[in-house]
Structures are given as C-alpha cells and as structure tokens.
Amino acid sequence: MAPPANRRSGYSRRAQYSTFFSYAAGVAGILLGAVLLIVSFVQPGWFDRARTDASDLVEPAGQVTATSRAGGKNAFATVAGFLKAGSQQAKLERELAQAKVRLVEAQATEVENRRLKALLGLSAQGPKPVAVARLTSSTAASTRRFATLSAGSDKGVQKGMPIRSPMGLIGRVLDVGLSTSRVLLITDTESLVPVRRAQDGVPAFAQGAGDGTLRIRLVALGINPLRKGDVFVTSGSGGLYRPGTPIGIASQILRDGAVARVLANPSDTDYVLVEDTFAPAPPTPSEPPPEVK
C-alpha cells in the first residue's frame, strides 16, 4: 500500500520543534543572504575588513601549507637530482671504460707500429728478404718446438730458409706448403746453430733445450771463458744462417758452456723476415810460392 502524500509529524513535540527550527533557519538564511547582497551593491567596502581578518586568520595555515609544498618540491628535486647524478655517473663510467679500451687499442697499435718499423729498418740494412710473414701459432706445451708461418711456396719460401725477427733468430723453415710453412724453432732439441760470442768470437754451438732456453756448448774444451750476460750471434759456419744475427744471452754458466735465454721469443713475435740461405764465399786459392833459381 502506497504511503500517504501528506505526512505529519504526529504528536511528537520534538519532531514538531525540529521542523519549525528548520524552516526558521532557512528563512533567516535567505533574509541574511538578501541583506548581504544588497549591502554588497550599495556599500562594497564594508566587507574589506572582514576579508582582511579572514586572511589574517588563515595565514598561519597558509604558511604551513606553503612550507609543506616547498619541502615536497625540495624532496622531489633531491630525488630527481640523485637519479640524474646516478645516470650521469653511469654514463661517465661507460665513457671511461670506452676510453680505456681506446687507450689499450692505441698502445697496441703503437707497439705494432714499432715492430713493423723495426722490420723495415732490418730489411733496409740487411739483404733483401724473401718474404715478410706472420707467425700464426707456436707450440709451447710439448718438448718439440715448432711454429706456423703464414707464407709458403706462393711467396718463394723454401725449405731450410732462416726465420728472424728484429730481436734475433727464430728458427728455420722445416716444411713448405702452398700458403703456409712449418718452422723449426731454435729452442727445439733438434736445432743446432753455430754461434760465437759477440765480443771476442769464441766459437760454440747453440742447441735447443726444449724448455724455451738454449744450451751453449763450446767447441774448444778446457777453461770455460763464458760469463753471465755474454751475447751470442750466429757465426755463419757451415752456411744456412747469415753471420751476426743475435740469438741469445748467457744466463747460467756450466762446466762446458752455458745456458742462454733466447732474444727472439716466438710468443711475443708477430711479423718475421724469411731470409735466403747464407752461402759462405769460397776460399780464394793461394798464390804458389815463387820458384827458386
């Protein structure tokens, strides 16, 4: 059943008073609003004092709000600055790492240029080399010492040709292929090179020890004249190796010779010269003695 359209508060005096005061407050509010509206048109300056008093009243709250707003901005600025500084630091670290890589590349290029210049100077001073090639690999774990040369018969390389670097003798060609060759290093146990002491020409043989060193064996047995630091070069005896090529420095003196370390380490050598085999000049025949009349 639908409720009646006309509701009454009934006999409750409290409800009647509430209704009355509601209507009275509404009417009073309308009248006050109308009066204030008329006054604002007639005398608008009357409300200036009220506005200033209200502004003074809420001013502390405004200060607190402004301080909070400024603190929030500073906090966001600090966080943003921290994040920006972190990104900038990461960028600087990346740039530093790239600069280090470029520096290492420049240093490697400089070392490579020095080696190439040394090879150019060596080829200009000595006889014209057969080829300039690179050592692509060398054995270091076994007792045999071989290396691979990136030049073969296509560049005129032949079996037995000496291989040297700016530092000294490396070895000789053992086997020749079309574009590569196998090199017997002077540190191999099957390598035997005639040498002499550079300062006075004491003759000896340099035999590979298989451990990266050379065993210097004197030709004339007796008192050992060798000393630590003596430099040995090829003597040219028997041909094959051109005389005067550095080969090693004495590091330990033995009873019948010395142990020498090689000057040209294959592991530190990139480009090498392939030289033609050395053929000593035949001895000139001596003139016959004059006849006695």
C-alpha atoms as a PDB file:
ATOM      1  CA  MET A   1       0.000   0.000   0.000  1.00  0.00           C
ATOM      2  CA  ALA A   2       1.450   3.427  -1.005  1.00  0.00           C
ATOM      3  CA  PRO A   3       2.312   5.831   1.845  1.00  0.00           C
ATOM      4  CA  PRO A   4       0.148   8.966   2.203  1.00  0.00           C
ATOM      5  CA  ALA A   5       1.334  12.066   0.357  1.00  0.00           C
ATOM      6  CA  ASN A   6       0.746  14.375   3.346  1.00  0.00           C
ATOM      7  CA  ARG A   7       2.999  13.401   6.188  1.00  0.00           C
ATOM      8  CA  ARG A   8       2.617  14.956   9.589  1.00  0.00           C
ATOM      9  CA  SER A   9       4.965  14.884  12.463  1.00  0.00           C
ATOM     10  CA  GLY A  10       2.313  13.396  14.603  1.00  0.00           C
ATOM     11  CA  TYR A  11       2.033  14.209  18.234  1.00  0.00           C
ATOM     12  CA  SER A  12       5.817  14.221  18.895  1.00  0.00           C
ATOM     13  CA  ARG A  13       6.691  17.690  20.197  1.00  0.00           C
ATOM     14  CA  ARG A  14      10.391  17.153  19.499  1.00  0.00           C
ATOM     15  CA  ALA A  15       9.706  16.419  15.863  1.00  0.00           C
ATOM     16  CA  GLN A  16       7.486  19.491  15.622  1.00  0.00           C
ATOM     17  CA  TYR A  17      10.211  21.737  17.073  1.00  0.00           C
ATOM     18  CA  SER A  18      12.793  20.345  14.683  1.00  0.00           C
ATOM     19  CA  THR A  19      10.582  21.070  11.721  1.00  0.00           C
ATOM     20  CA  PHE A  20       9.878  24.587  12.909  1.00  0.00           C
ATOM     21  CA  PHE A  21      13.501  25.484  13.533  1.00  0.00           C
ATOM     22  CA  SER A  22      14.475  24.053  10.143  1.00  0.00           C
ATOM     23  CA  TYR A  23      12.056  26.325   8.360  1.00  0.00           C
ATOM     24  CA  ALA A  24      13.027  29.274  10.557  1.00  0.00           C
ATOM     25  CA  ALA A  25      16.742  28.757   9.841  1.00  0.00           C
ATOM     26  CA  GLY A  26      16.057  28.532   6.149  1.00  0.00           C
ATOM     27  CA  VAL A  27      14.041  31.745   6.099  1.00  0.00           C
ATOM     28  CA  ALA A  28      16.666  33.538   8.237  1.00  0.00           C
ATOM     29  CA  GLY A  29      19.428  32.402   5.876  1.00  0.00           C
ATOM     30  CA  ILE A  30      17.513  33.684   2.874  1.00  0.00           C
ATOM     31  CA  LEU A  31      16.912  37.043   4.538  1.00  0.00           C
ATOM     32  CA  LEU A  32      20.583  37.328   5.632  1.00  0.00           C
ATOM     33  CA  GLY A  33      21.770  36.484   2.144  1.00  0.00           C
ATOM     34  CA  ALA A  34      19.445  39.077   0.651  1.00  0.00           C
ATOM     35  CA  VAL A  35      20.673  41.724   3.097  1.00  0.00           C
ATOM     36  CA  LEU A  36      24.333  40.926   2.392  1.00  0.00           C
ATOM     37  CA  LEU A  37      23.674  41.024  -1.345  1.00  0.00           C
ATOM     38  CA  ILE A  38      22.056  44.452  -1.081  1.00  0.00           C
ATOM     39  CA  VAL A  39      24.864  45.769   1.117  1.00  0.00           C
ATOM     40  CA  SER A  40      27.493  44.450  -1.336  1.00  0.00           C
ATOM     41  CA  PHE A  41      25.890  46.501  -4.068  1.00  0.00           C
ATOM     42  CA  VAL A  42      25.308  49.608  -2.007  1.00  0.00           C
ATOM     43  CA  GLN A  43      28.491  49.655   0.193  1.00  0.00           C
ATOM     44  CA  PRO A  44      31.042  47.136  -1.141  1.00  0.00           C
ATOM     45  CA  GLY A  45      33.802  48.487   1.133  1.00  0.00           C
ATOM     46  CA  TRP A  46      32.088  47.181   4.269  1.00  0.00           C
ATOM     47  CA  PHE A  47      33.426  43.660   3.563  1.00  0.00           C
ATOM     48  CA  ASP A  48      37.110  44.646   3.171  1.00  0.00           C
ATOM     49  CA  ARG A  49      37.749  44.423   6.876  1.00  0.00           C
ATOM     50  CA  ALA A  50      36.086  41.054   7.094  1.00  0.00           C
ATOM     51  CA  ARG A  51      38.187  39.766   4.180  1.00  0.00           C
ATOM     52  CA  THR A  52      41.457  41.005   5.732  1.00  0.00           C
ATOM     53  CA  ASP A  53      40.513  39.497   9.106  1.00  0.00           C
ATOM     54  CA  ALA A  54      39.750  36.202   7.431  1.00  0.00           C
ATOM     55  CA  SER A  55      43.092  36.354   5.570  1.00  0.00           C
ATOM     56  CA  ASP A  56      44.934  37.052   8.830  1.00  0.00           C
ATOM     57  CA  LEU A  57      43.092  34.180  10.452  1.00  0.00           C
ATOM     58  CA  VAL A  58      44.056  31.589   7.825  1.00  0.00           C
ATOM     59  CA  GLU A  59      47.572  32.979   7.277  1.00  0.00           C
ATOM     60  CA  PRO A  60      49.345  30.512   9.680  1.00  0.00           C
ATOM     61  CA  ALA A  61      47.667  27.614   7.944  1.00  0.00           C
ATOM     62  CA  GLY A  62      48.800  29.041   4.606  1.00  0.00           C
ATOM     63  CA  GLN A  63      52.378  29.274   5.893  1.00  0.00           C
ATOM     64  CA  VAL A  64      52.275  25.642   6.952  1.00  0.00           C
ATOM     65  CA  THR A  65      50.867  24.650   3.573  1.00  0.00           C
ATOM     66  CA  ALA A  66      53.490  26.672   1.701  1.00  0.00           C
ATOM     67  CA  THR A  67      56.287  25.198   3.821  1.00  0.00           C
ATOM     68  CA  SER A  68      54.985  21.707   3.211  1.00  0.00           C
ATOM     69  CA  ARG A  69      54.688  22.409  -0.507  1.00  0.00           C
ATOM     70  CA  ALA A  70      58.256  23.784  -0.652  1.00  0.00           C
ATOM     71  CA  GLY A  71      59.560  20.817   1.328  1.00  0.00           C
ATOM     72  CA  GLY A  72      57.818  18.452  -1.059  1.00  0.00           C
ATOM     73  CA  LYS A  73      59.342  20.233  -4.054  1.00  0.00           C
ATOM     74  CA  ASN A  74      62.792  20.060  -2.453  1.00  0.00           C
ATOM     75  CA  ALA A  75      62.338  16.383  -1.714  1.00  0.00           C
ATOM     76  CA  PHE A  76      61.307  15.646  -5.303  1.00  0.00           C
ATOM     77  CA  ALA A  77      64.193  17.797  -6.569  1.00  0.00           C
ATOM     78  CA  THR A  78      66.612  15.878  -4.331  1.00  0.00           C
ATOM     79  CA  VAL A  79      65.343  12.520  -5.561  1.00  0.00           C
ATOM     80  CA  ALA A  80      65.423  13.722  -9.165  1.00  0.00           C
ATOM     81  CA  GLY A  81      68.951  15.073  -8.697  1.00  0.00           C
ATOM     82  CA  PHE A  82      70.057  11.780  -7.134  1.00  0.00           C
ATOM     83  CA  LEU A  83      68.602   9.804 -10.022  1.00  0.00           C
ATOM     84  CA  LYS A  84      70.128  12.203 -12.538  1.00  0.00           C
ATOM     85  CA  ALA A  85      73.508  12.060 -10.793  1.00  0.00           C
ATOM     86  CA  GLY A  86      73.330   8.262 -10.811  1.00  0.00           C
ATOM     87  CA  SER A  87      72.603   8.189 -14.533  1.00  0.00           C
ATOM     88  CA  GLN A  88      75.386  10.706 -15.200  1.00  0.00           C
ATOM     89  CA  GLN A  89      77.829   8.638 -13.128  1.00  0.00           C
ATOM     90  CA  ALA A  90      76.864   5.505 -15.044  1.00  0.00           C
ATOM     91  CA  LYS A  91      77.370   7.409 -18.311  1.00  0.00           C
ATOM     92  CA  LEU A  92      80.778   8.670 -17.150  1.00  0.00           C
ATOM     93  CA  GLU A  93      81.786   5.145 -16.135  1.00  0.00           C
ATOM     94  CA  ARG A  94      80.796   3.840 -19.574  1.00  0.00           C
ATOM     95  CA  GLU A  95      82.748   6.640 -21.257  1.00  0.00           C
ATOM     96  CA  LEU A  96      85.753   5.902 -19.015  1.00  0.00           C
ATOM     97  CA  ALA A  97      85.627   2.204 -19.902  1.00  0.00           C
ATOM     98  CA  GLN A  98      85.421   3.074 -23.607  1.00  0.00           C
ATOM     99  CA  ALA A  99      88.342   5.492 -23.206  1.00  0.00           C
ATOM    100  CA  LYS A 100      90.401   2.750 -21.548  1.00  0.00           C
ATOM    101  CA  VAL A 101      89.611   0.374 -24.412  1.00  0.00           C
ATOM    102  CA  ARG A 102      90.637   3.018 -26.956  1.00  0.00           C
ATOM    103  CA  LEU A 103      93.830   3.670 -24.975  1.00  0.00           C
ATOM    104  CA  VAL A 104      94.715  -0.038 -24.979  1.00  0.00           C
ATOM    105  CA  GLU A 105      93.996  -0.198 -28.718  1.00  0.00           C
ATOM    106  CA  ALA A 106      96.211   2.842 -29.292  1.00  0.00           C
ATOM    107  CA  GLN A 107      99.011   1.300 -27.224  1.00  0.00           C
ATOM    108  CA  ALA A 108      98.713  -1.984 -29.132  1.00  0.00           C
ATOM    109  CA  THR A 109      98.806  -0.076 -32.415  1.00  0.00           C
ATOM    110  CA  GLU A 110     101.887   1.815 -31.249  1.00  0.00           C
ATOM    111  CA  VAL A 111     103.670  -1.422 -30.322  1.00  0.00           C
ATOM    112  CA  GLU A 112     102.684  -2.940 -33.667  1.00  0.00           C
ATOM    113  CA  ASN A 113     103.998   0.132 -35.493  1.00  0.00           C
ATOM    114  CA  ARG A 114     107.320  -0.097 -33.642  1.00  0.00           C
ATOM    115  CA  ARG A 115     107.658  -3.747 -34.625  1.00  0.00           C
ATOM    116  CA  LEU A 116     106.861  -3.010 -38.250  1.00  0.00           C
ATOM    117  CA  LYS A 117     109.318  -0.088 -38.287  1.00  0.00           C
ATOM    118  CA  ALA A 118     111.983  -2.357 -36.806  1.00  0.00           C
ATOM    119  CA  LEU A 119     111.308  -4.905 -39.540  1.00  0.00           C
ATOM    120  CA  LEU A 120     111.500  -2.195 -42.192  1.00  0.00           C
ATOM    121  CA  GLY A 121     114.792  -0.968 -40.772  1.00  0.00           C
ATOM    122  CA  LEU A 122     116.111  -4.523 -40.623  1.00  0.00           C
ATOM    123  CA  SER A 123     115.135  -5.261 -44.231  1.00  0.00           C
ATOM    124  CA  ALA A 124     116.719  -1.974 -45.337  1.00  0.00           C
ATOM    125  CA  GLN A 125     120.018  -2.711 -43.570  1.00  0.00           C
ATOM    126  CA  GLY A 126     120.449  -6.373 -44.432  1.00  0.00           C
ATOM    127  CA  PRO A 127     119.973  -8.304 -47.676  1.00  0.00           C
ATOM    128  CA  LYS A 128     116.563  -8.213 -49.281  1.00  0.00           C
ATOM    129  CA  PRO A 129     114.281 -10.723 -47.507  1.00  0.00           C
ATOM    130  CA  VAL A 130     112.430 -13.407 -49.404  1.00  0.00           C
ATOM    131  CA  ALA A 131     109.137 -12.600 -47.648  1.00  0.00           C
ATOM    132  CA  VAL A 132     107.625 -10.838 -44.659  1.00  0.00           C
ATOM    133  CA  ALA A 133     105.045 -13.029 -42.932  1.00  0.00           C
ATOM    134  CA  ARG A 134     103.342 -13.610 -39.625  1.00  0.00           C
ATOM    135  CA  LEU A 135     103.826 -16.399 -37.099  1.00  0.00           C
ATOM    136  CA  THR A 136     100.280 -17.634 -36.641  1.00  0.00           C
ATOM    137  CA  SER A 137     100.996 -20.234 -33.932  1.00  0.00           C
ATOM    138  CA  SER A 138     103.778 -21.884 -31.956  1.00  0.00           C
ATOM    139  CA  THR A 139     103.976 -24.926 -29.705  1.00  0.00           C
ATOM    140  CA  ALA A 140     104.629 -24.344 -26.011  1.00  0.00           C
ATOM    141  CA  ALA A 141     103.424 -27.456 -24.175  1.00  0.00           C
ATOM    142  CA  SER A 142     105.477 -30.256 -25.731  1.00  0.00           C
ATOM    143  CA  THR A 143     109.234 -30.819 -25.853  1.00  0.00           C
ATOM    144  CA  ARG A 144     109.230 -30.126 -29.589  1.00  0.00           C
ATOM    145  CA  ARG A 145     109.210 -26.509 -30.661  1.00  0.00           C
ATOM    146  CA  PHE A 146     107.516 -25.676 -33.963  1.00  0.00           C
ATOM    147  CA  ALA A 147     105.732 -22.634 -35.366  1.00  0.00           C
ATOM    148  CA  THR A 148     103.441 -21.980 -38.317  1.00  0.00           C
ATOM    149  CA  LEU A 149     104.358 -19.292 -40.832  1.00  0.00           C
ATOM    150  CA  SER A 150     101.711 -17.587 -42.971  1.00  0.00           C
ATOM    151  CA  ALA A 151     103.788 -17.872 -46.143  1.00  0.00           C
ATOM    152  CA  GLY A 152     104.627 -20.779 -48.366  1.00  0.00           C
ATOM    153  CA  SER A 153     105.801 -21.593 -51.837  1.00  0.00           C
ATOM    154  CA  ASP A 154     103.436 -18.938 -53.208  1.00  0.00           C
ATOM    155  CA  LYS A 155     105.818 -16.310 -51.767  1.00  0.00           C
ATOM    156  CA  GLY A 156     109.052 -18.054 -52.632  1.00  0.00           C
ATOM    157  CA  VAL A 157     109.661 -19.715 -49.256  1.00  0.00           C
ATOM    158  CA  GLN A 158     111.875 -22.794 -49.445  1.00  0.00           C
ATOM    159  CA  LYS A 159     112.945 -25.467 -47.016  1.00  0.00           C
ATOM    160  CA  GLY A 160     115.903 -24.500 -44.816  1.00  0.00           C
ATOM    161  CA  MET A 161     115.472 -20.713 -45.048  1.00  0.00           C
ATOM    162  CA  PRO A 162     116.236 -18.868 -41.780  1.00  0.00           C
ATOM    163  CA  ILE A 163     113.440 -17.012 -39.963  1.00  0.00           C
ATOM    164  CA  ARG A 164     114.294 -13.968 -37.870  1.00  0.00           C
ATOM    165  CA  SER A 165     112.660 -11.025 -36.120  1.00  0.00           C
ATOM    166  CA  PRO A 166     114.088  -7.615 -35.160  1.00  0.00           C
ATOM    167  CA  MET A 167     115.255  -9.186 -31.882  1.00  0.00           C
ATOM    168  CA  GLY A 168     117.108 -12.121 -33.368  1.00  0.00           C
ATOM    169  CA  LEU A 169     116.954 -15.569 -34.908  1.00  0.00           C
ATOM    170  CA  ILE A 170     113.678 -17.511 -34.634  1.00  0.00           C
ATOM    171  CA  GLY A 171     114.436 -20.743 -36.486  1.00  0.00           C
ATOM    172  CA  ARG A 172     114.421 -22.207 -39.969  1.00  0.00           C
ATOM    173  CA  VAL A 173     111.803 -23.494 -42.388  1.00  0.00           C
ATOM    174  CA  LEU A 174     111.243 -27.230 -41.959  1.00  0.00           C
ATOM    175  CA  ASP A 175     108.315 -27.967 -44.292  1.00  0.00           C
ATOM    176  CA  VAL A 176     106.789 -25.794 -47.028  1.00  0.00           C
ATOM    177  CA  GLY A 177     103.176 -25.770 -48.160  1.00  0.00           C
ATOM    178  CA  LEU A 178     101.372 -23.659 -50.715  1.00  0.00           C
ATOM    179  CA  SER A 179     100.455 -20.798 -48.364  1.00  0.00           C
ATOM    180  CA  THR A 180     101.918 -21.880 -45.011  1.00  0.00           C
ATOM    181  CA  SER A 181     105.183 -23.316 -43.727  1.00  0.00           C
ATOM    182  CA  ARG A 182     106.310 -25.151 -40.605  1.00  0.00           C
ATOM    183  CA  VAL A 183     109.226 -23.595 -38.749  1.00  0.00           C
ATOM    184  CA  LEU A 184     111.691 -25.446 -36.536  1.00  0.00           C
ATOM    185  CA  LEU A 185     112.406 -23.061 -33.644  1.00  0.00           C
ATOM    186  CA  ILE A 186     115.930 -22.674 -32.282  1.00  0.00           C
ATOM    187  CA  THR A 187     114.683 -23.886 -28.865  1.00  0.00           C
ATOM    188  CA  ASP A 188     113.808 -27.315 -30.294  1.00  0.00           C
ATOM    189  CA  THR A 189     116.082 -30.178 -29.256  1.00  0.00           C
ATOM    190  CA  GLU A 190     116.830 -30.976 -32.926  1.00  0.00           C
ATOM    191  CA  SER A 191     118.045 -27.430 -33.622  1.00  0.00           C
ATOM    192  CA  LEU A 192     121.815 -26.844 -33.684  1.00  0.00           C
ATOM    193  CA  VAL A 193     123.162 -23.424 -34.683  1.00  0.00           C
ATOM    194  CA  PRO A 194     126.850 -22.468 -34.958  1.00  0.00           C
ATOM    195  CA  VAL A 195     127.391 -19.338 -32.846  1.00  0.00           C
ATOM    196  CA  ARG A 196     130.175 -17.187 -31.458  1.00  0.00           C
ATOM    197  CA  ARG A 197     130.486 -14.805 -28.558  1.00  0.00           C
ATOM    198  CA  ALA A 198     129.862 -11.320 -29.911  1.00  0.00           C
ATOM    199  CA  GLN A 199     132.676  -9.577 -28.035  1.00  0.00           C
ATOM    200  CA  ASP A 200     135.601 -11.804 -28.998  1.00  0.00           C
ATOM    201  CA  GLY A 201     134.308 -14.540 -31.335  1.00  0.00           C
ATOM    202  CA  VAL A 202     134.633 -17.579 -29.019  1.00  0.00           C
ATOM    203  CA  PRO A 203     133.114 -20.396 -31.151  1.00  0.00           C
ATOM    204  CA  ALA A 204     130.314 -22.589 -29.841  1.00  0.00           C
ATOM    205  CA  PHE A 205     127.093 -24.358 -30.770  1.00  0.00           C
ATOM    206  CA  ALA A 206     123.615 -23.328 -29.581  1.00  0.00           C
ATOM    207  CA  GLN A 207     121.360 -26.353 -29.131  1.00  0.00           C
ATOM    208  CA  GLY A 208     117.705 -26.112 -28.114  1.00  0.00           C
ATOM    209  CA  ALA A 209     116.899 -27.466 -24.671  1.00  0.00           C
ATOM    210  CA  GLY A 210     113.179 -27.985 -25.361  1.00  0.00           C
ATOM    211  CA  ASP A 211     112.174 -25.745 -22.469  1.00  0.00           C
ATOM    212  CA  GLY A 212     112.490 -22.354 -24.158  1.00  0.00           C
ATOM    213  CA  THR A 213     116.231 -21.968 -23.497  1.00  0.00           C
ATOM    214  CA  LEU A 214     119.453 -22.733 -25.364  1.00  0.00           C
ATOM    215  CA  ARG A 215     122.407 -24.855 -24.348  1.00  0.00           C
ATOM    216  CA  ILE A 216     125.675 -23.194 -25.388  1.00  0.00           C
ATOM    217  CA  ARG A 217     128.378 -25.827 -25.977  1.00  0.00           C
ATOM    218  CA  LEU A 218     131.952 -24.694 -26.501  1.00  0.00           C
ATOM    219  CA  VAL A 219     133.950 -26.046 -29.418  1.00  0.00           C
ATOM    220  CA  ALA A 220     137.295 -25.901 -27.608  1.00  0.00           C
ATOM    221  CA  LEU A 221     137.098 -27.706 -24.276  1.00  0.00           C
ATOM    222  CA  GLY A 222     139.165 -26.515 -21.363  1.00  0.00           C
ATOM    223  CA  ILE A 223     138.763 -23.471 -19.162  1.00  0.00           C
ATOM    224  CA  ASN A 224     135.288 -22.026 -19.636  1.00  0.00           C
ATOM    225  CA  PRO A 225     135.684 -18.339 -20.595  1.00  0.00           C
ATOM    226  CA  LEU A 226     131.963 -17.574 -20.669  1.00  0.00           C
ATOM    227  CA  ARG A 227     130.291 -15.142 -18.268  1.00  0.00           C
ATOM    228  CA  LYS A 228     126.717 -14.236 -17.459  1.00  0.00           C
ATOM    229  CA  GLY A 229     125.403 -11.631 -19.840  1.00  0.00           C
ATOM    230  CA  ASP A 230     127.527 -12.733 -22.797  1.00  0.00           C
ATOM    231  CA  VAL A 231     125.686 -12.185 -26.087  1.00  0.00           C
ATOM    232  CA  PHE A 232     125.884 -14.845 -28.778  1.00  0.00           C
ATOM    233  CA  VAL A 233     125.336 -14.348 -32.501  1.00  0.00           C
ATOM    234  CA  THR A 234     125.364 -16.690 -35.445  1.00  0.00           C
ATOM    235  CA  SER A 235     128.843 -17.374 -36.807  1.00  0.00           C
ATOM    236  CA  GLY A 236     127.881 -18.345 -40.362  1.00  0.00           C
ATOM    237  CA  SER A 237     129.969 -21.512 -40.203  1.00  0.00           C
ATOM    238  CA  GLY A 238     128.622 -24.209 -42.475  1.00  0.00           C
ATOM    239  CA  GLY A 239     126.262 -21.818 -44.239  1.00  0.00           C
ATOM    240  CA  LEU A 240     122.459 -21.595 -43.804  1.00  0.00           C
ATOM    241  CA  TYR A 241     122.458 -18.814 -41.152  1.00  0.00           C
ATOM    242  CA  ARG A 242     123.846 -15.396 -42.036  1.00  0.00           C
ATOM    243  CA  PRO A 243     126.605 -14.368 -39.570  1.00  0.00           C
ATOM    244  CA  GLY A 244     125.964 -11.705 -36.968  1.00  0.00           C
ATOM    245  CA  THR A 245     122.312 -12.499 -36.199  1.00  0.00           C
ATOM    246  CA  PRO A 246     121.634 -12.257 -32.416  1.00  0.00           C
ATOM    247  CA  ILE A 247     120.435 -15.472 -30.850  1.00  0.00           C
ATOM    248  CA  GLY A 248     120.746 -15.484 -27.042  1.00  0.00           C
ATOM    249  CA  ILE A 249     122.253 -14.183 -23.800  1.00  0.00           C
ATOM    250  CA  ALA A 250     124.033 -16.400 -21.255  1.00  0.00           C
ATOM    251  CA  SER A 251     122.047 -16.658 -18.035  1.00  0.00           C
ATOM    252  CA  GLN A 252     123.767 -19.596 -16.301  1.00  0.00           C
ATOM    253  CA  ILE A 253     127.350 -20.801 -16.573  1.00  0.00           C
ATOM    254  CA  LEU A 254     128.007 -24.560 -16.816  1.00  0.00           C
ATOM    255  CA  ARG A 255     131.224 -26.578 -16.783  1.00  0.00           C
ATOM    256  CA  ASP A 256     131.434 -26.908 -20.564  1.00  0.00           C
ATOM    257  CA  GLY A 257     129.320 -23.963 -21.668  1.00  0.00           C
ATOM    258  CA  ALA A 258     126.281 -22.039 -20.545  1.00  0.00           C
ATOM    259  CA  VAL A 259     122.509 -21.858 -20.553  1.00  0.00           C
ATOM    260  CA  ALA A 260     121.182 -18.918 -22.588  1.00  0.00           C
ATOM    261  CA  ARG A 261     117.773 -17.349 -22.942  1.00  0.00           C
ATOM    262  CA  VAL A 262     116.627 -16.578 -26.453  1.00  0.00           C
ATOM    263  CA  LEU A 263     116.378 -12.974 -27.562  1.00  0.00           C
ATOM    264  CA  ALA A 264     113.508 -13.517 -30.022  1.00  0.00           C
ATOM    265  CA  ASN A 265     110.577 -15.114 -28.216  1.00  0.00           C
ATOM    266  CA  PRO A 266     108.123 -16.585 -30.779  1.00  0.00           C
ATOM    267  CA  SER A 267     105.143 -15.981 -28.474  1.00  0.00           C
ATOM    268  CA  ASP A 268     105.909 -12.236 -28.499  1.00  0.00           C
ATOM    269  CA  THR A 269     106.648 -12.040 -32.215  1.00  0.00           C
ATOM    270  CA  ASP A 270     104.060 -11.211 -34.873  1.00  0.00           C
ATOM    271  CA  TYR A 271     105.864 -10.474 -38.119  1.00  0.00           C
ATOM    272  CA  VAL A 272     109.126 -12.109 -39.161  1.00  0.00           C
ATOM    273  CA  LEU A 273     111.518 -11.998 -42.090  1.00  0.00           C
ATOM    274  CA  VAL A 274     112.199 -15.009 -44.253  1.00  0.00           C
ATOM    275  CA  GLU A 275     115.821 -14.750 -45.401  1.00  0.00           C
ATOM    276  CA  ASP A 276     117.595 -16.615 -48.117  1.00  0.00           C
ATOM    277  CA  THR A 277     120.050 -19.265 -47.010  1.00  0.00           C
ATOM    278  CA  PHE A 278     123.562 -17.998 -46.433  1.00  0.00           C
ATOM    279  CA  ALA A 279     126.315 -19.396 -48.631  1.00  0.00           C
ATOM    280  CA  PRO A 280     129.825 -18.528 -47.456  1.00  0.00           C
ATOM    281  CA  ALA A 281     132.193 -17.299 -50.120  1.00  0.00           C
ATOM    282  CA  PRO A 282     134.590 -19.998 -51.328  1.00  0.00           C
ATOM    283  CA  PRO A 283     138.160 -19.526 -50.180  1.00  0.00           C
ATOM    284  CA  THR A 284     140.433 -17.825 -52.670  1.00  0.00           C
ATOM    285  CA  PRO A 285     143.282 -20.048 -53.863  1.00  0.00           C
ATOM    286  CA  SER A 286     146.624 -19.019 -52.509  1.00  0.00           C
ATOM    287  CA  GLU A 287     149.346 -17.978 -54.938  1.00  0.00           C
ATOM    288  CA  PRO A 288     152.079 -20.580 -55.497  1.00  0.00           C
ATOM    289  CA  PRO A 289     155.428 -19.753 -53.956  1.00  0.00           C
ATOM    290  CA  PRO A 290     157.958 -18.265 -56.379  1.00  0.00           C
ATOM    291  CA  GLU A 291     160.394 -20.703 -57.929  1.00  0.00           C
ATOM    292  CA  VAL A 292     163.930 -20.627 -56.599  1.00  0.00           C
ATOM    293  CA  LYS A 293     166.512 -20.288 -59.321  1.00  0.00           C
END
